[in-house]
Amino acid sequence: MGTVRWEFLTITITYDGGRRKDWVVKYRERAPLVGFQAILDSYSSRGWELMALNPERMRAVVGFGQYHIEPQSYRATFRRPVEGRD
């Protein structure tokens, strides 16, 4: 039985607090991908499996006399099997 080989991909998902008010993946050569569900659907439709979602940048927000820490961006790590097997 062959060993499955994987390829990995990491992307940054940032919160656009401006006009979009949603999570976004920005690309240089095409329009941004907006919304967590749209991001996951897009990558999974190309065979990528989400392995980890980790906060990357945090910010402090004042609310009701207390500070709340919330993420400004996440680092998403995906994997998918490589066609050729050993």
PDB file of N, CA and C in Angstrom:
ATOM      1  N   MET A   1       0.832  -1.176   0.000  1.00  0.00           N
ATOM      2  CA  MET A   1       0.000   0.000   0.000  1.00  0.00           C
ATOM      3  C   MET A   1       0.881   1.245   0.000  1.00  0.00           C
ATOM      4  N   GLY A   2       0.597   2.200  -0.884  1.00  0.00           N
ATOM      5  CA  GLY A   2       1.421   3.398  -1.007  1.00  0.00           C
ATOM      6  C   GLY A   2       1.147   4.425   0.081  1.00  0.00           C
ATOM      7  N   THR A   3       2.103   5.268   0.283  1.00  0.00           N
ATOM      8  CA  THR A   3       1.976   6.345   1.242  1.00  0.00           C
ATOM      9  C   THR A   3       1.362   7.557   0.555  1.00  0.00           C
ATOM     10  N   VAL A   4       0.409   8.176   1.180  1.00  0.00           N
ATOM     11  CA  VAL A   4      -0.200   9.372   0.616  1.00  0.00           C
ATOM     12  C   VAL A   4       0.749  10.548   0.841  1.00  0.00           C
ATOM     13  N   ARG A   5       1.016  11.271  -0.227  1.00  0.00           N
ATOM     14  CA  ARG A   5       1.822  12.489  -0.128  1.00  0.00           C
ATOM     15  C   ARG A   5       0.878  13.682  -0.173  1.00  0.00           C
ATOM     16  N   TRP A   6       1.209  14.717   0.578  1.00  0.00           N
ATOM     17  CA  TRP A   6       0.358  15.893   0.688  1.00  0.00           C
ATOM     18  C   TRP A   6       1.076  17.135   0.188  1.00  0.00           C
ATOM     19  N   GLU A   7       0.311  18.059  -0.357  1.00  0.00           N
ATOM     20  CA  GLU A   7       0.828  19.398  -0.585  1.00  0.00           C
ATOM     21  C   GLU A   7       0.060  20.322   0.347  1.00  0.00           C
ATOM     22  N   PHE A   8       0.709  21.384   0.779  1.00  0.00           N
ATOM     23  CA  PHE A   8       0.135  22.278   1.775  1.00  0.00           C
ATOM     24  C   PHE A   8       0.048  23.700   1.237  1.00  0.00           C
ATOM     25  N   LEU A   9      -0.913  24.445   1.758  1.00  0.00           N
ATOM     26  CA  LEU A   9      -1.135  25.831   1.359  1.00  0.00           C
ATOM     27  C   LEU A   9      -1.539  26.621   2.590  1.00  0.00           C
ATOM     28  N   THR A  10      -0.948  27.782   2.777  1.00  0.00           N
ATOM     29  CA  THR A  10      -1.381  28.665   3.852  1.00  0.00           C
ATOM     30  C   THR A  10      -1.834  29.985   3.234  1.00  0.00           C
ATOM     31  N   ILE A  11      -2.906  30.538   3.776  1.00  0.00           N
ATOM     32  CA  ILE A  11      -3.416  31.825   3.321  1.00  0.00           C
ATOM     33  C   ILE A  11      -3.733  32.689   4.531  1.00  0.00           C
ATOM     34  N   THR A  12      -3.768  33.988   4.317  1.00  0.00           N
ATOM     35  CA  THR A  12      -4.164  34.919   5.365  1.00  0.00           C
ATOM     36  C   THR A  12      -5.577  35.399   5.069  1.00  0.00           C
ATOM     37  N   ILE A  13      -6.436  35.301   6.073  1.00  0.00           N
ATOM     38  CA  ILE A  13      -7.814  35.766   5.975  1.00  0.00           C
ATOM     39  C   ILE A  13      -7.924  36.976   6.906  1.00  0.00           C
ATOM     40  N   THR A  14      -8.211  38.148   6.346  1.00  0.00           N
ATOM     41  CA  THR A  14      -8.259  39.371   7.146  1.00  0.00           C
ATOM     42  C   THR A  14      -9.692  39.887   7.257  1.00  0.00           C
ATOM     43  N   TYR A  15      -9.931  40.634   8.321  1.00  0.00           N
ATOM     44  CA  TYR A  15     -11.241  41.249   8.492  1.00  0.00           C
ATOM     45  C   TYR A  15     -11.215  42.627   7.856  1.00  0.00           C
ATOM     46  N   ASP A  16     -12.118  42.864   6.920  1.00  0.00           N
ATOM     47  CA  ASP A  16     -12.250  44.156   6.274  1.00  0.00           C
ATOM     48  C   ASP A  16     -13.356  44.922   6.996  1.00  0.00           C
ATOM     49  N   GLY A  17     -12.953  45.799   7.906  1.00  0.00           N
ATOM     50  CA  GLY A  17     -13.916  46.561   8.688  1.00  0.00           C
ATOM     51  C   GLY A  17     -14.435  47.782   7.954  1.00  0.00           C
ATOM     52  N   GLY A  18     -13.972  48.003   6.737  1.00  0.00           N
ATOM     53  CA  GLY A  18     -14.416  49.149   5.947  1.00  0.00           C
ATOM     54  C   GLY A  18     -15.776  48.908   5.346  1.00  0.00           C
ATOM     55  N   ARG A  19     -15.838  48.886   4.036  1.00  0.00           N
ATOM     56  CA  ARG A  19     -17.139  48.759   3.368  1.00  0.00           C
ATOM     57  C   ARG A  19     -17.686  47.339   3.374  1.00  0.00           C
ATOM     58  N   ARG A  20     -16.835  46.331   3.440  1.00  0.00           N
ATOM     59  CA  ARG A  20     -17.310  44.937   3.350  1.00  0.00           C
ATOM     60  C   ARG A  20     -17.856  44.403   4.668  1.00  0.00           C
ATOM     61  N   LYS A  21     -17.220  44.747   5.766  1.00  0.00           N
ATOM     62  CA  LYS A  21     -17.608  44.232   7.087  1.00  0.00           C
ATOM     63  C   LYS A  21     -17.680  42.708   7.081  1.00  0.00           C
ATOM     64  N   ASP A  22     -16.627  42.090   6.544  1.00  0.00           N
ATOM     65  CA  ASP A  22     -16.592  40.627   6.446  1.00  0.00           C
ATOM     66  C   ASP A  22     -15.139  40.167   6.322  1.00  0.00           C
ATOM     67  N   TRP A  23     -14.957  38.868   6.393  1.00  0.00           N
ATOM     68  CA  TRP A  23     -13.635  38.261   6.253  1.00  0.00           C
ATOM     69  C   TRP A  23     -13.300  38.138   4.773  1.00  0.00           C
ATOM     70  N   VAL A  24     -12.014  38.408   4.429  1.00  0.00           N
ATOM     71  CA  VAL A  24     -11.608  38.525   3.029  1.00  0.00           C
ATOM     72  C   VAL A  24     -10.260  37.867   2.790  1.00  0.00           C
ATOM     73  N   VAL A  25     -10.123  37.226   1.621  1.00  0.00           N
ATOM     74  CA  VAL A  25      -8.815  36.801   1.113  1.00  0.00           C
ATOM     75  C   VAL A  25      -8.544  37.688  -0.095  1.00  0.00           C
ATOM     76  N   LYS A  26      -7.447  38.432  -0.041  1.00  0.00           N
ATOM     77  CA  LYS A  26      -7.114  39.357  -1.128  1.00  0.00           C
ATOM     78  C   LYS A  26      -6.091  38.703  -2.057  1.00  0.00           C
ATOM     79  N   TYR A  27      -6.295  38.929  -3.341  1.00  0.00           N
ATOM     80  CA  TYR A  27      -5.404  38.409  -4.376  1.00  0.00           C
ATOM     81  C   TYR A  27      -4.849  39.571  -5.184  1.00  0.00           C
ATOM     82  N   ARG A  28      -3.679  39.408  -5.750  1.00  0.00           N
ATOM     83  CA  ARG A  28      -3.096  40.438  -6.613  1.00  0.00           C
ATOM     84  C   ARG A  28      -3.767  40.482  -7.965  1.00  0.00           C
ATOM     85  N   GLU A  29      -4.055  39.314  -8.538  1.00  0.00           N
ATOM     86  CA  GLU A  29      -4.488  39.213  -9.927  1.00  0.00           C
ATOM     87  C   GLU A  29      -5.986  39.046 -10.131  1.00  0.00           C
ATOM     88  N   ARG A  30      -6.756  39.014  -9.064  1.00  0.00           N
ATOM     89  CA  ARG A  30      -8.213  38.860  -9.222  1.00  0.00           C
ATOM     90  C   ARG A  30      -8.951  39.480  -8.042  1.00  0.00           C
ATOM     91  N   ALA A  31     -10.265  39.504  -8.176  1.00  0.00           N
ATOM     92  CA  ALA A  31     -11.106  40.103  -7.132  1.00  0.00           C
ATOM     93  C   ALA A  31     -10.974  39.329  -5.822  1.00  0.00           C
ATOM     94  N   PRO A  32     -11.159  40.009  -4.696  1.00  0.00           N
ATOM     95  CA  PRO A  32     -11.070  39.319  -3.403  1.00  0.00           C
ATOM     96  C   PRO A  32     -12.209  38.327  -3.201  1.00  0.00           C
ATOM     97  N   LEU A  33     -11.941  37.357  -2.352  1.00  0.00           N
ATOM     98  CA  LEU A  33     -12.931  36.356  -1.967  1.00  0.00           C
ATOM     99  C   LEU A  33     -13.487  36.809  -0.615  1.00  0.00           C
ATOM    100  N   VAL A  34     -14.797  37.018  -0.524  1.00  0.00           N
ATOM    101  CA  VAL A  34     -15.403  37.633   0.657  1.00  0.00           C
ATOM    102  C   VAL A  34     -16.318  36.648   1.377  1.00  0.00           C
ATOM    103  N   GLY A  35     -16.148  36.549   2.703  1.00  0.00           N
ATOM    104  CA  GLY A  35     -16.989  35.704   3.544  1.00  0.00           C
ATOM    105  C   GLY A  35     -16.337  34.374   3.857  1.00  0.00           C
ATOM    106  N   PHE A  36     -16.370  33.980   5.132  1.00  0.00           N
ATOM    107  CA  PHE A  36     -15.736  32.729   5.549  1.00  0.00           C
ATOM    108  C   PHE A  36     -16.287  31.527   4.795  1.00  0.00           C
ATOM    109  N   GLN A  37     -17.597  31.470   4.638  1.00  0.00           N
ATOM    110  CA  GLN A  37     -18.190  30.317   3.950  1.00  0.00           C
ATOM    111  C   GLN A  37     -17.740  30.267   2.493  1.00  0.00           C
ATOM    112  N   ALA A  38     -17.700  31.417   1.836  1.00  0.00           N
ATOM    113  CA  ALA A  38     -17.252  31.472   0.441  1.00  0.00           C
ATOM    114  C   ALA A  38     -15.788  31.061   0.317  1.00  0.00           C
ATOM    115  N   ILE A  39     -14.976  31.460   1.283  1.00  0.00           N
ATOM    116  CA  ILE A  39     -13.557  31.101   1.280  1.00  0.00           C
ATOM    117  C   ILE A  39     -13.406  29.583   1.411  1.00  0.00           C
ATOM    118  N   LEU A  40     -14.089  29.010   2.405  1.00  0.00           N
ATOM    119  CA  LEU A  40     -13.997  27.554   2.605  1.00  0.00           C
ATOM    120  C   LEU A  40     -14.546  26.790   1.405  1.00  0.00           C
ATOM    121  N   ASP A  41     -15.680  27.230   0.860  1.00  0.00           N
ATOM    122  CA  ASP A  41     -16.264  26.560  -0.305  1.00  0.00           C
ATOM    123  C   ASP A  41     -15.331  26.616  -1.505  1.00  0.00           C
ATOM    124  N   SER A  42     -14.701  27.760  -1.725  1.00  0.00           N
ATOM    125  CA  SER A  42     -13.807  27.923  -2.866  1.00  0.00           C
ATOM    126  C   SER A  42     -12.610  26.982  -2.789  1.00  0.00           C
ATOM    127  N   TYR A  43     -11.952  26.946  -1.628  1.00  0.00           N
ATOM    128  CA  TYR A  43     -10.767  26.097  -1.500  1.00  0.00           C
ATOM    129  C   TYR A  43     -11.134  24.612  -1.465  1.00  0.00           C
ATOM    130  N   SER A  44     -12.229  24.258  -0.816  1.00  0.00           N
ATOM    131  CA  SER A  44     -12.604  22.841  -0.762  1.00  0.00           C
ATOM    132  C   SER A  44     -13.030  22.331  -2.138  1.00  0.00           C
ATOM    133  N   SER A  45     -13.617  23.189  -2.960  1.00  0.00           N
ATOM    134  CA  SER A  45     -14.018  22.762  -4.309  1.00  0.00           C
ATOM    135  C   SER A  45     -12.806  22.442  -5.186  1.00  0.00           C
ATOM    136  N   ARG A  46     -11.640  22.926  -4.781  1.00  0.00           N
ATOM    137  CA  ARG A  46     -10.399  22.624  -5.514  1.00  0.00           C
ATOM    138  C   ARG A  46      -9.585  21.528  -4.821  1.00  0.00           C
ATOM    139  N   GLY A  47     -10.236  20.834  -3.878  1.00  0.00           N
ATOM    140  CA  GLY A  47      -9.592  19.687  -3.247  1.00  0.00           C
ATOM    141  C   GLY A  47      -8.827  19.981  -1.976  1.00  0.00           C
ATOM    142  N   TRP A  48      -8.857  21.213  -1.498  1.00  0.00           N
ATOM    143  CA  TRP A  48      -8.131  21.569  -0.283  1.00  0.00           C
ATOM    144  C   TRP A  48      -8.965  21.268   0.949  1.00  0.00           C
ATOM    145  N   GLU A  49      -8.326  20.679   1.942  1.00  0.00           N
ATOM    146  CA  GLU A  49      -8.952  20.360   3.227  1.00  0.00           C
ATOM    147  C   GLU A  49      -8.371  21.290   4.289  1.00  0.00           C
ATOM    148  N   LEU A  50      -9.239  21.988   5.031  1.00  0.00           N
ATOM    149  CA  LEU A  50      -8.775  22.878   6.091  1.00  0.00           C
ATOM    150  C   LEU A  50      -8.211  22.058   7.235  1.00  0.00           C
ATOM    151  N   MET A  51      -6.962  22.331   7.592  1.00  0.00           N
ATOM    152  CA  MET A  51      -6.307  21.614   8.698  1.00  0.00           C
ATOM    153  C   MET A  51      -6.273  22.437   9.980  1.00  0.00           C
ATOM    154  N   ALA A  52      -6.035  23.743   9.830  1.00  0.00           N
ATOM    155  CA  ALA A  52      -5.892  24.597  11.006  1.00  0.00           C
ATOM    156  C   ALA A  52      -6.316  26.019  10.663  1.00  0.00           C
ATOM    157  N   LEU A  53      -6.856  26.694  11.651  1.00  0.00           N
ATOM    158  CA  LEU A  53      -7.233  28.098  11.521  1.00  0.00           C
ATOM    159  C   LEU A  53      -6.757  28.786  12.789  1.00  0.00           C
ATOM    160  N   ASN A  54      -5.683  29.567  12.681  1.00  0.00           N
ATOM    161  CA  ASN A  54      -5.056  30.179  13.848  1.00  0.00           C
ATOM    162  C   ASN A  54      -5.099  31.693  13.769  1.00  0.00           C
ATOM    163  N   PRO A  55      -5.425  32.368  14.885  1.00  0.00           N
ATOM    164  CA  PRO A  55      -5.369  33.829  14.891  1.00  0.00           C
ATOM    165  C   PRO A  55      -3.938  34.283  14.596  1.00  0.00           C
ATOM    166  N   GLU A  56      -3.817  35.293  13.762  1.00  0.00           N
ATOM    167  CA  GLU A  56      -2.491  35.776  13.383  1.00  0.00           C
ATOM    168  C   GLU A  56      -2.219  37.159  13.975  1.00  0.00           C
ATOM    169  N   ARG A  57      -3.173  38.074  13.845  1.00  0.00           N
ATOM    170  CA  ARG A  57      -3.051  39.412  14.413  1.00  0.00           C
ATOM    171  C   ARG A  57      -4.272  39.669  15.285  1.00  0.00           C
ATOM    172  N   MET A  58      -4.032  40.270  16.429  1.00  0.00           N
ATOM    173  CA  MET A  58      -5.118  40.540  17.366  1.00  0.00           C
ATOM    174  C   MET A  58      -5.211  42.049  17.593  1.00  0.00           C
ATOM    175  N   ARG A  59      -6.381  42.486  18.072  1.00  0.00           N
ATOM    176  CA  ARG A  59      -6.542  43.884  18.458  1.00  0.00           C
ATOM    177  C   ARG A  59      -7.419  43.954  19.698  1.00  0.00           C
ATOM    178  N   ALA A  60      -7.208  45.011  20.470  1.00  0.00           N
ATOM    179  CA  ALA A  60      -8.015  45.236  21.671  1.00  0.00           C
ATOM    180  C   ALA A  60      -9.145  46.191  21.319  1.00  0.00           C
ATOM    181  N   VAL A  61     -10.358  45.841  21.743  1.00  0.00           N
ATOM    182  CA  VAL A  61     -11.540  46.638  21.467  1.00  0.00           C
ATOM    183  C   VAL A  61     -12.209  46.958  22.795  1.00  0.00           C
ATOM    184  N   VAL A  62     -12.551  48.229  23.003  1.00  0.00           N
ATOM    185  CA  VAL A  62     -13.232  48.645  24.234  1.00  0.00           C
ATOM    186  C   VAL A  62     -14.712  48.327  24.110  1.00  0.00           C
ATOM    187  N   GLY A  63     -15.241  47.712  25.145  1.00  0.00           N
ATOM    188  CA  GLY A  63     -16.669  47.405  25.159  1.00  0.00           C
ATOM    189  C   GLY A  63     -17.169  47.267  26.580  1.00  0.00           C
ATOM    190  N   PHE A  64     -18.156  48.047  26.951  1.00  0.00           N
ATOM    191  CA  PHE A  64     -18.758  47.999  28.281  1.00  0.00           C
ATOM    192  C   PHE A  64     -17.719  48.147  29.392  1.00  0.00           C
ATOM    193  N   GLY A  65     -16.787  49.071  29.194  1.00  0.00           N
ATOM    194  CA  GLY A  65     -15.778  49.353  30.222  1.00  0.00           C
ATOM    195  C   GLY A  65     -14.659  48.344  30.301  1.00  0.00           C
ATOM    196  N   GLN A  66     -14.634  47.372  29.400  1.00  0.00           N
ATOM    197  CA  GLN A  66     -13.576  46.364  29.389  1.00  0.00           C
ATOM    198  C   GLN A  66     -12.972  46.280  27.994  1.00  0.00           C
ATOM    199  N   TYR A  67     -11.773  45.756  27.948  1.00  0.00           N
ATOM    200  CA  TYR A  67     -11.143  45.499  26.657  1.00  0.00           C
ATOM    201  C   TYR A  67     -11.421  44.059  26.249  1.00  0.00           C
ATOM    202  N   HIS A  68     -11.752  43.866  25.011  1.00  0.00           N
ATOM    203  CA  HIS A  68     -11.928  42.526  24.458  1.00  0.00           C
ATOM    204  C   HIS A  68     -10.869  42.341  23.379  1.00  0.00           C
ATOM    205  N   ILE A  69     -10.255  41.197  23.379  1.00  0.00           N
ATOM    206  CA  ILE A  69      -9.250  40.886  22.368  1.00  0.00           C
ATOM    207  C   ILE A  69      -9.940  40.091  21.261  1.00  0.00           C
ATOM    208  N   GLU A  70      -9.794  40.545  20.022  1.00  0.00           N
ATOM    209  CA  GLU A  70     -10.398  39.830  18.895  1.00  0.00           C
ATOM    210  C   GLU A  70      -9.407  39.774  17.736  1.00  0.00           C
ATOM    211  N   PRO A  71      -9.504  38.737  16.930  1.00  0.00           N
ATOM    212  CA  PRO A  71      -8.561  38.598  15.814  1.00  0.00           C
ATOM    213  C   PRO A  71      -8.864  39.592  14.693  1.00  0.00           C
ATOM    214  N   GLN A  72      -7.789  40.089  14.065  1.00  0.00           N
ATOM    215  CA  GLN A  72      -7.900  40.911  12.866  1.00  0.00           C
ATOM    216  C   GLN A  72      -7.620  40.062  11.626  1.00  0.00           C
ATOM    217  N   SER A  73      -6.853  38.997  11.840  1.00  0.00           N
ATOM    218  CA  SER A  73      -6.568  38.094  10.726  1.00  0.00           C
ATOM    219  C   SER A  73      -6.307  36.691  11.253  1.00  0.00           C
ATOM    220  N   TYR A  74      -6.540  35.736  10.364  1.00  0.00           N
ATOM    221  CA  TYR A  74      -6.281  34.326  10.656  1.00  0.00           C
ATOM    222  C   TYR A  74      -5.310  33.778   9.623  1.00  0.00           C
ATOM    223  N   ARG A  75      -4.548  32.780  10.023  1.00  0.00           N
ATOM    224  CA  ARG A  75      -3.712  32.023   9.104  1.00  0.00           C
ATOM    225  C   ARG A  75      -4.398  30.671   8.935  1.00  0.00           C
ATOM    226  N   ALA A  76      -4.854  30.379   7.721  1.00  0.00           N
ATOM    227  CA  ALA A  76      -5.520  29.106   7.418  1.00  0.00           C
ATOM    228  C   ALA A  76      -4.525  28.187   6.719  1.00  0.00           C
ATOM    229  N   THR A  77      -4.452  26.956   7.182  1.00  0.00           N
ATOM    230  CA  THR A  77      -3.571  25.958   6.577  1.00  0.00           C
ATOM    231  C   THR A  77      -4.435  24.855   5.975  1.00  0.00           C
ATOM    232  N   PHE A  78      -4.225  24.596   4.704  1.00  0.00           N
ATOM    233  CA  PHE A  78      -4.960  23.582   3.959  1.00  0.00           C
ATOM    234  C   PHE A  78      -4.000  22.503   3.480  1.00  0.00           C
ATOM    235  N   ARG A  79      -4.555  21.333   3.164  1.00  0.00           N
ATOM    236  CA  ARG A  79      -3.762  20.274   2.543  1.00  0.00           C
ATOM    237  C   ARG A  79      -4.637  19.544   1.512  1.00  0.00           C
ATOM    238  N   ARG A  80      -3.965  18.908   0.561  1.00  0.00           N
ATOM    239  CA  ARG A  80      -4.650  18.024  -0.390  1.00  0.00           C
ATOM    240  C   ARG A  80      -3.646  16.989  -0.857  1.00  0.00           C
ATOM    241  N   PRO A  81      -4.132  15.801  -1.209  1.00  0.00           N
ATOM    242  CA  PRO A  81      -3.225  14.747  -1.638  1.00  0.00           C
ATOM    243  C   PRO A  81      -2.590  15.080  -2.992  1.00  0.00           C
ATOM    244  N   VAL A  82      -1.341  14.711  -3.119  1.00  0.00           N
ATOM    245  CA  VAL A  82      -0.626  14.861  -4.390  1.00  0.00           C
ATOM    246  C   VAL A  82      -0.987  13.676  -5.254  1.00  0.00           C
ATOM    247  N   GLU A  83      -1.182  13.895  -6.523  1.00  0.00           N
ATOM    248  CA  GLU A  83      -1.615  12.826  -7.451  1.00  0.00           C
ATOM    249  C   GLU A  83      -0.717  11.592  -7.414  1.00  0.00           C
ATOM    250  N   GLY A  84       0.573  11.770  -7.571  1.00  0.00           N
ATOM    251  CA  GLY A  84       1.493  10.623  -7.569  1.00  0.00           C
ATOM    252  C   GLY A  84       1.721  10.091  -6.186  1.00  0.00           C
ATOM    253  N   ARG A  85       1.696   8.802  -6.025  1.00  0.00           N
ATOM    254  CA  ARG A  85       1.957   8.173  -4.719  1.00  0.00           C
ATOM    255  C   ARG A  85       3.295   7.450  -4.796  1.00  0.00           C
ATOM    256  N   ASP A  86       3.959   7.348  -3.637  1.00  0.00           N
ATOM    257  CA  ASP A  86       5.253   6.627  -3.557  1.00  0.00           C
ATOM    258  C   ASP A  86       5.042   5.143  -3.624  1.00  0.00           C
TER     259      ASP A  86
END
